[in-house]
């Protein structure tokens, strides 16, 4: 019963992690492509809230994942599919999450607050976002496939 509860929380947190900030960034890109500079700048300033929301959701993903593992008395860690899934998460997704928090909090947000280096900060963040998109484009479907199909499980 505990496992299913943690799994429900885990799946909901994944949706909250992926949805809002991805949609927000698409809105930023749409305003950029439509040459709506004032709207784009407003969205970029407000995007920090979505980064915080995304980070909190990722923390819930981690905690609920640990809850699922603990509810099986650590037995589930014997499953190869889970060890592969955790490796993908630890070595590709976690570094991106921390990099995003750092870049937006320490570079973009500070540039907006100071009014200096805004274009450079946006250029840096957008470059990071393109790289992150490519990594996540491979990592997320792989993690989902492992979680759903559990290869090697009898």
Protein backbone atom coordinates (compact mmCIF):
# COMPACT_ATOMS: atom_id res chain seq x y z
CA UNK A 1 0.00 0.00 0.00
CA UNK A 2 2.78 2.45 0.87
CA UNK A 3 4.52 1.67 -2.42
CA UNK A 4 1.41 2.59 -4.44
CA UNK A 5 0.96 5.82 -2.47
CA UNK A 6 4.56 6.87 -3.14
CA UNK A 7 4.20 5.85 -6.78
CA UNK A 8 1.12 8.06 -7.18
CA UNK A 9 2.97 11.01 -5.65
CA UNK A 10 5.99 10.21 -7.83
CA UNK A 11 3.99 10.23 -11.08
CA UNK A 12 2.16 13.44 -10.16
CA UNK A 13 5.46 15.13 -9.31
CA UNK A 14 6.93 14.08 -12.67
CA UNK A 15 4.04 15.82 -14.43
CA UNK A 16 4.53 18.92 -12.27
CA UNK A 17 8.28 18.85 -12.94
CA UNK A 18 7.99 18.62 -16.71
CA UNK A 19 4.86 20.62 -17.48
CA UNK A 20 4.84 24.18 -16.16
CA UNK A 21 8.42 25.22 -16.81
CA UNK A 22 8.47 23.57 -20.23
CA UNK A 23 5.27 25.39 -21.15
CA UNK A 24 6.66 28.63 -19.74
CA UNK A 25 9.82 28.31 -21.78
CA UNK A 26 7.78 27.62 -24.93
CA UNK A 27 5.87 30.86 -24.21
CA UNK A 28 9.20 32.70 -23.93
CA UNK A 29 10.36 31.25 -27.24
CA UNK A 30 7.03 32.08 -28.92
CA UNK A 31 7.22 35.70 -27.80
CA UNK A 32 10.84 35.83 -29.01
CA UNK A 33 9.94 34.42 -32.44
CA UNK A 34 7.04 36.90 -32.72
CA UNK A 35 9.35 39.82 -31.88
CA UNK A 36 7.38 40.70 -28.76
CA UNK A 37 10.39 41.89 -26.74
CA UNK A 38 8.46 43.44 -23.84
CA UNK A 39 6.40 40.27 -23.30
CA UNK A 40 9.51 38.10 -23.65
CA UNK A 41 11.39 40.10 -21.01
CA UNK A 42 8.44 40.00 -18.63
CA UNK A 43 8.13 36.23 -19.10
CA UNK A 44 11.86 35.74 -18.50
CA UNK A 45 11.68 37.73 -15.27
CA UNK A 46 8.68 35.71 -14.07
CA UNK A 47 10.20 32.40 -15.19
CA UNK A 48 12.20 32.17 -11.96
CA UNK A 49 8.98 31.17 -10.17
CA UNK A 50 8.63 28.22 -12.53
CA UNK A 51 12.25 27.24 -11.88
CA UNK A 52 11.48 27.18 -8.14
CA UNK A 53 8.29 25.20 -8.78
CA UNK A 54 10.18 22.77 -11.01
CA UNK A 55 12.92 22.36 -8.40
CA UNK A 56 10.39 21.65 -5.64
CA UNK A 57 8.69 19.12 -7.91
CA UNK A 58 12.02 17.43 -8.59
CA UNK A 59 12.64 17.21 -4.85
CA UNK A 60 9.24 15.53 -4.45
CA UNK A 61 10.21 13.10 -7.24
CA UNK A 62 13.38 12.20 -5.37
CA UNK A 63 11.64 11.86 -1.99
CA UNK A 64 8.76 9.79 -3.35
CA UNK A 65 11.26 7.61 -5.23
CA UNK A 66 13.12 7.03 -1.99
CA UNK A 67 9.77 6.27 -0.36
CA UNK A 68 9.04 3.62 -2.98
CA UNK A 69 12.48 2.09 -2.48
CA UNK A 70 12.13 2.14 1.31
CA UNK A 71 8.61 0.66 1.18
CA UNK A 72 10.06 -2.43 -0.51
CA UNK A 73 12.72 -2.72 2.21
CA UNK A 74 15.32 -1.85 -0.43
CA UNK A 75 14.51 -5.07 -2.34
CA UNK A 76 13.56 -3.18 -5.48
CA UNK A 77 17.16 -1.99 -5.82
CA UNK A 78 18.05 -5.51 -6.92
CA UNK A 79 16.20 -4.87 -10.19
CA UNK A 80 18.60 -4.06 -13.01
CA UNK A 81 16.07 -1.85 -14.80
CA UNK A 82 15.86 0.38 -11.71
CA UNK A 83 19.63 0.61 -11.34
CA UNK A 84 19.89 1.67 -15.00
CA UNK A 85 17.06 4.18 -14.54
CA UNK A 86 18.73 5.65 -11.45
CA UNK A 87 22.06 5.89 -13.31
CA UNK A 88 20.44 7.87 -16.11
CA UNK A 89 18.79 10.17 -13.58
CA UNK A 90 21.88 10.67 -11.43
CA UNK A 91 24.35 11.22 -14.27
CA UNK A 92 22.24 13.20 -16.74
CA UNK A 93 19.12 14.72 -15.18
CA UNK A 94 20.39 15.72 -11.70
CA UNK A 95 23.33 17.75 -13.09
CA UNK A 96 20.93 19.56 -15.43
CA UNK A 97 18.57 20.41 -12.58
CA UNK A 98 21.36 21.87 -10.46
CA UNK A 99 22.87 23.69 -13.45
CA UNK A 100 19.53 25.24 -14.30
CA UNK A 101 18.98 26.45 -10.75
CA UNK A 102 22.47 27.94 -10.64
CA UNK A 103 22.24 29.61 -14.06
CA UNK A 104 18.85 31.16 -13.48
CA UNK A 105 19.37 32.14 -9.86
CA UNK A 106 23.01 33.28 -10.03
CA UNK A 107 23.25 34.59 -13.58
CA UNK A 108 19.90 35.47 -15.15
CA UNK A 109 18.09 36.70 -12.05
CA UNK A 110 21.09 38.77 -10.94
CA UNK A 111 21.45 40.29 -14.41
CA UNK A 112 17.79 41.34 -14.37
CA UNK A 113 18.11 42.77 -10.88
CA UNK A 114 21.25 44.75 -11.75
CA UNK A 115 20.10 45.67 -15.24
CA UNK A 116 23.57 44.74 -16.49
CA UNK A 117 24.49 41.82 -18.73
CA UNK A 118 20.89 40.78 -19.35
CA UNK A 119 21.45 39.86 -23.01
CA UNK A 120 24.54 37.83 -22.16
CA UNK A 121 22.73 36.00 -19.35
CA UNK A 122 19.80 35.20 -21.62
CA UNK A 123 22.15 33.97 -24.34
CA UNK A 124 23.93 31.73 -21.81
CA UNK A 125 20.67 30.35 -20.42
CA UNK A 126 19.21 29.74 -23.88
CA UNK A 127 22.37 27.85 -24.88
CA UNK A 128 22.08 25.74 -21.75
CA UNK A 129 18.39 25.12 -22.50
CA UNK A 130 19.19 23.80 -25.97
CA UNK A 131 21.76 21.40 -24.55
CA UNK A 132 19.41 20.36 -21.75
CA UNK A 133 16.63 19.74 -24.27
CA UNK A 134 18.84 17.36 -26.25
CA UNK A 135 19.91 15.45 -23.14
CA UNK A 136 16.37 15.27 -21.77
CA UNK A 137 15.00 14.28 -25.20
CA UNK A 138 16.98 11.05 -24.80
CA UNK A 139 17.00 10.62 -21.02
CA UNK A 140 13.31 11.12 -20.20
CA UNK A 141 11.87 8.63 -22.70
CA UNK A 142 14.53 6.15 -21.60
CA UNK A 143 13.59 6.58 -17.94
CA UNK A 144 9.89 6.30 -18.77
CA UNK A 145 10.45 3.14 -20.84
CA UNK A 146 12.42 1.53 -18.03
CA UNK A 147 9.76 2.47 -15.48
CA UNK A 148 6.87 1.21 -17.59
CA UNK A 149 8.28 -1.91 -19.24
CA UNK A 150 10.75 -2.97 -16.51
CA UNK A 151 12.93 -5.06 -18.84
CA UNK A 152 14.30 -8.22 -17.30
CA UNK A 153 11.47 -8.42 -14.75
CA UNK A 154 9.77 -11.81 -14.73
